[in-house]
Amino acid sequence: MPILHGASASPFVRKVRIVLAIKGIDYDHEQVMPGTTTPEYLEKSPLAKIPCWEDGDLVLPDSSVIVAYLEKLQPEPAVYPSDPADYGRALWYEEYADTACAPAIGPKIFFQRVVIKGLMGKEIDEAAVEKAVAEDLPPVFDYLEGQVPETGDAIVGGKFSIADIAIGTEFVNLHHAGESVDANRWPKLAAYVERVHANPHFAPIIAAEKKSLGLDS
């Protein structure tokens, strides 16, 4: 049985889990925290990042690499568009989610409120978190507001794809941290995120995470 290494609440691990769910691929899930530097894990993931995919002798770190591999392994249902232009756009939105959304949401908001405060019970600088919400998120939201569709859960080509998975997974972490998109300021984005999270492959994973993190009350 293939093994997916990585903590469930990681947006990058979640990205892969949603693709696995779409494709109906069975796997074992081993919880590994980001930044794990044991010799055993570094042999699998030299950058100490999660997720990492292990299937026999095949070991693949990095969520985008894993998803690309899974698409070749099992092409249907596809998570990448077949049209060349749509394919390129989907790759761009995945990259934007990974390199713009993740830094704005992850370390300064999600990690502070959910991991350090919620799971570790330590004090955080809430003023710094609120500053990140006020200053780091708006430019990201402004861009996405101009990109997302008026209806549906597909930002590219009218079909749910890796672009929506990559964007949507980042906003799960934002919601876990007690924040959401202001529908008055960013109405299209707020509605789009809600539709993506209602996707049948997203919703069960979100519900399970909220329960495990004690956020379902």
Protein backbone atom coordinates (compact mmCIF):
# COMPACT_ATOMS: atom_id res chain seq x y z
CA MET A 1 0.00 0.00 0.00
CA PRO A 2 1.43 3.43 -0.89
CA ILE A 3 2.13 5.77 2.03
CA LEU A 4 1.46 9.50 2.17
CA HIS A 5 3.71 11.14 4.75
CA GLY A 6 2.58 14.45 6.22
CA ALA A 7 0.32 16.16 8.76
CA SER A 8 -3.36 16.26 7.80
CA ALA A 9 -3.72 19.98 8.48
CA SER A 10 -1.00 20.91 6.01
CA PRO A 11 -2.57 22.53 2.94
CA PHE A 12 -0.06 20.70 0.75
CA VAL A 13 -0.87 17.32 2.26
CA ARG A 14 -4.56 18.11 1.90
CA LYS A 15 -4.02 18.97 -1.76
CA VAL A 16 -2.69 15.48 -2.41
CA ARG A 17 -5.38 13.82 -0.30
CA ILE A 18 -8.12 15.48 -2.33
CA VAL A 19 -6.54 14.31 -5.58
CA LEU A 20 -6.27 10.79 -4.15
CA ALA A 21 -9.95 10.95 -3.21
CA ILE A 22 -10.94 12.14 -6.68
CA LYS A 23 -9.00 9.32 -8.29
CA GLY A 24 -10.11 6.72 -5.76
CA ILE A 25 -6.56 5.66 -4.92
CA ASP A 26 -6.10 3.81 -1.62
CA TYR A 27 -3.16 4.70 0.59
CA ASP A 28 -1.90 4.67 4.14
CA HIS A 29 -1.39 8.01 5.84
CA GLU A 30 1.53 8.56 8.21
CA GLN A 31 1.38 11.78 10.20
CA VAL A 32 4.67 13.67 9.85
CA MET A 33 5.07 17.24 11.02
CA PRO A 34 6.60 19.85 8.70
CA GLY A 35 10.27 20.42 9.38
CA THR A 36 10.86 16.86 10.55
CA THR A 37 14.61 16.28 10.28
CA THR A 38 15.10 12.72 11.42
CA PRO A 39 17.66 10.87 9.25
CA GLU A 40 14.95 8.46 8.13
CA TYR A 41 12.65 11.21 6.90
CA LEU A 42 15.42 13.32 5.35
CA GLU A 43 16.37 10.31 3.27
CA LYS A 44 12.86 10.45 1.81
CA SER A 45 12.43 14.23 1.71
CA PRO A 46 15.83 16.00 1.65
CA LEU A 47 14.19 19.43 2.02
CA ALA A 48 12.34 18.23 5.15
CA LYS A 49 9.04 19.22 3.57
CA ILE A 50 5.67 17.53 3.55
CA PRO A 51 4.02 15.71 1.91
CA CYS A 52 6.13 12.84 0.68
CA TRP A 53 4.77 9.89 -1.31
CA GLU A 54 6.26 6.42 -0.89
CA ASP A 55 5.28 3.43 -3.01
CA GLY A 56 7.83 0.67 -2.79
CA ASP A 57 11.10 1.98 -4.19
CA LEU A 58 9.44 5.13 -5.49
CA VAL A 59 9.75 8.13 -3.17
CA LEU A 60 8.46 11.55 -4.24
CA PRO A 61 8.55 14.69 -2.07
CA ASP A 62 6.54 17.85 -2.89
CA SER A 63 2.79 18.09 -3.41
CA SER A 64 2.93 19.35 -7.00
CA VAL A 65 5.31 16.56 -8.00
CA ILE A 66 3.10 13.96 -6.34
CA VAL A 67 -0.07 15.23 -8.03
CA ALA A 68 1.63 15.29 -11.44
CA TYR A 69 2.75 11.71 -10.88
CA LEU A 70 -0.72 10.60 -9.80
CA GLU A 71 -2.20 12.14 -12.94
CA LYS A 72 0.14 10.04 -15.08
CA LEU A 73 -0.44 6.97 -12.96
CA GLN A 74 -4.22 7.25 -13.21
CA PRO A 75 -5.28 9.82 -15.82
CA GLU A 76 -8.99 9.62 -15.08
CA PRO A 77 -10.70 11.43 -13.49
CA ALA A 78 -8.32 14.15 -14.64
CA VAL A 79 -7.30 16.99 -12.33
CA TYR A 80 -5.40 18.88 -15.03
CA PRO A 81 -7.21 20.45 -18.01
CA SER A 82 -6.56 18.92 -21.43
CA ASP A 83 -6.61 22.24 -23.32
CA PRO A 84 -3.05 23.64 -23.45
CA ALA A 85 -4.04 27.17 -22.45
CA ASP A 86 -6.25 25.97 -19.61
CA TYR A 87 -3.49 23.60 -18.52
CA GLY A 88 -1.04 26.49 -18.30
CA ARG A 89 -3.50 28.63 -16.38
CA ALA A 90 -4.23 25.81 -13.93
CA LEU A 91 -0.51 25.41 -13.26
CA TRP A 92 -0.25 29.16 -12.64
CA TYR A 93 -3.09 29.18 -10.11
CA GLU A 94 -1.56 26.21 -8.34
CA GLU A 95 1.73 28.09 -8.17
CA TYR A 96 -0.01 31.23 -6.93
CA ALA A 97 -1.74 29.27 -4.18
CA ASP A 98 1.51 27.62 -3.13
CA THR A 99 3.68 30.75 -3.18
CA ALA A 100 1.29 33.63 -2.42
CA CYS A 101 -1.64 32.21 -0.46
CA ALA A 102 0.40 29.82 1.67
CA PRO A 103 2.88 32.39 3.08
CA ALA A 104 0.07 34.87 3.76
CA ILE A 105 -2.07 32.33 5.63
CA GLY A 106 0.21 29.66 7.01
CA PRO A 107 3.02 30.87 9.29
CA LYS A 108 1.55 34.17 10.48
CA ILE A 109 -2.09 33.15 11.00
CA PHE A 110 -2.81 29.42 10.94
CA PHE A 111 0.37 28.28 12.67
CA GLN A 112 0.05 30.92 15.36
CA ARG A 113 -3.60 30.41 16.23
CA VAL A 114 -4.10 26.71 15.56
CA VAL A 115 -0.75 25.10 16.27
CA ILE A 116 0.97 27.31 18.85
CA LYS A 117 -2.14 28.55 20.68
CA GLY A 118 -4.68 25.81 20.00
CA LEU A 119 -2.59 22.64 20.07
CA MET A 120 0.41 23.70 22.16
CA GLY A 121 -1.48 26.00 24.53
CA LYS A 122 1.11 28.75 24.32
CA GLU A 123 0.58 32.48 24.20
CA ILE A 124 0.88 34.22 20.85
CA ASP A 125 1.19 37.82 19.73
CA GLU A 126 -2.42 38.26 18.63
CA ALA A 127 -1.73 41.81 17.49
CA ALA A 128 0.84 40.45 15.03
CA VAL A 129 -1.70 37.91 13.76
CA GLU A 130 -4.31 40.61 13.27
CA LYS A 131 -1.72 42.74 11.47
CA ALA A 132 -1.09 39.86 9.07
CA VAL A 133 -4.84 39.52 8.48
CA ALA A 134 -5.15 43.24 7.77
CA GLU A 135 -2.04 43.67 5.63
CA ASP A 136 -0.94 40.36 4.09
CA LEU A 137 -4.27 38.90 3.02
CA PRO A 138 -5.92 41.80 1.12
CA PRO A 139 -3.49 41.89 -1.85
CA VAL A 140 -3.97 38.13 -2.31
CA PHE A 141 -7.73 38.41 -2.03
CA ASP A 142 -7.78 41.38 -4.42
CA TYR A 143 -6.03 39.36 -7.11
CA LEU A 144 -8.22 36.28 -6.67
CA GLU A 145 -11.40 38.37 -6.64
CA GLY A 146 -10.56 39.37 -10.19
CA GLN A 147 -9.88 35.80 -11.27
CA VAL A 148 -12.53 33.54 -9.77
CA PRO A 149 -15.82 32.79 -11.58
CA GLU A 150 -19.20 34.22 -10.73
CA THR A 151 -20.64 30.71 -10.40
CA GLY A 152 -19.31 27.19 -10.04
CA ASP A 153 -16.21 25.77 -8.40
CA ALA A 154 -13.88 25.93 -11.42
CA ILE A 155 -11.52 28.83 -11.98
CA VAL A 156 -10.26 27.37 -15.28
CA GLY A 157 -12.23 26.02 -18.22
CA GLY A 158 -15.45 25.32 -16.37
CA LYS A 159 -14.13 22.09 -14.82
CA PHE A 160 -12.89 21.52 -11.25
CA SER A 161 -9.12 21.07 -11.38
CA ILE A 162 -5.83 21.28 -9.54
CA ALA A 163 -6.22 25.06 -9.64
CA ASP A 164 -9.33 24.92 -7.44
CA ILE A 165 -7.82 22.26 -5.20
CA ALA A 166 -4.66 24.30 -4.63
CA ILE A 167 -6.55 27.52 -3.91
CA GLY A 168 -9.25 25.87 -1.83
CA THR A 169 -6.87 23.98 0.42
CA GLU A 170 -5.21 27.21 1.54
CA PHE A 171 -8.54 28.70 2.59
CA VAL A 172 -9.30 25.65 4.72
CA ASN A 173 -6.38 26.67 6.91
CA LEU A 174 -7.62 30.24 7.01
CA HIS A 175 -11.01 29.03 8.24
CA HIS A 176 -9.39 26.72 10.79
CA ALA A 177 -7.66 29.82 12.16
CA GLY A 178 -11.00 31.58 12.65
CA GLU A 179 -10.81 33.88 9.65
CA SER A 180 -12.85 34.05 6.45
CA VAL A 181 -13.18 36.13 3.30
CA ASP A 182 -15.21 39.30 3.84
CA ALA A 183 -18.11 38.81 1.43
CA ASN A 184 -18.82 42.53 1.34
CA ARG A 185 -15.33 43.36 0.14
CA TRP A 186 -14.60 40.23 -1.92
CA PRO A 187 -18.01 38.76 -2.82
CA LYS A 188 -16.90 36.58 -5.73
CA LEU A 189 -14.00 35.08 -3.80
CA ALA A 190 -16.07 34.40 -0.69
CA ALA A 191 -18.75 32.59 -2.71
CA TYR A 192 -16.18 30.67 -4.76
CA VAL A 193 -14.34 29.41 -1.67
CA GLU A 194 -17.63 28.29 -0.16
CA ARG A 195 -18.50 26.34 -3.30
CA VAL A 196 -15.06 24.72 -3.49
CA HIS A 197 -15.24 23.63 0.14
CA ALA A 198 -18.67 22.12 -0.51
CA ASN A 199 -17.18 19.90 -3.22
CA PRO A 200 -17.81 16.26 -2.23
CA HIS A 201 -14.08 15.52 -2.17
CA PHE A 202 -13.27 18.54 0.00
CA ALA A 203 -16.13 18.50 2.50
CA PRO A 204 -15.41 15.15 4.28
CA ILE A 205 -11.73 15.98 4.68
CA ILE A 206 -12.54 19.40 6.14
CA ALA A 207 -15.06 17.89 8.56
CA ALA A 208 -12.59 15.26 9.76
CA GLU A 209 -9.88 17.88 10.29
CA LYS A 210 -12.17 20.17 12.26
CA LYS A 211 -13.06 17.27 14.53
CA SER A 212 -9.43 16.27 15.10
CA LEU A 213 -8.47 19.88 15.83
CA GLY A 214 -11.41 20.40 18.17
CA LEU A 215 -12.96 23.02 15.86
CA ASP A 216 -16.27 21.29 15.15
CA SER A 217 -18.19 22.62 18.15
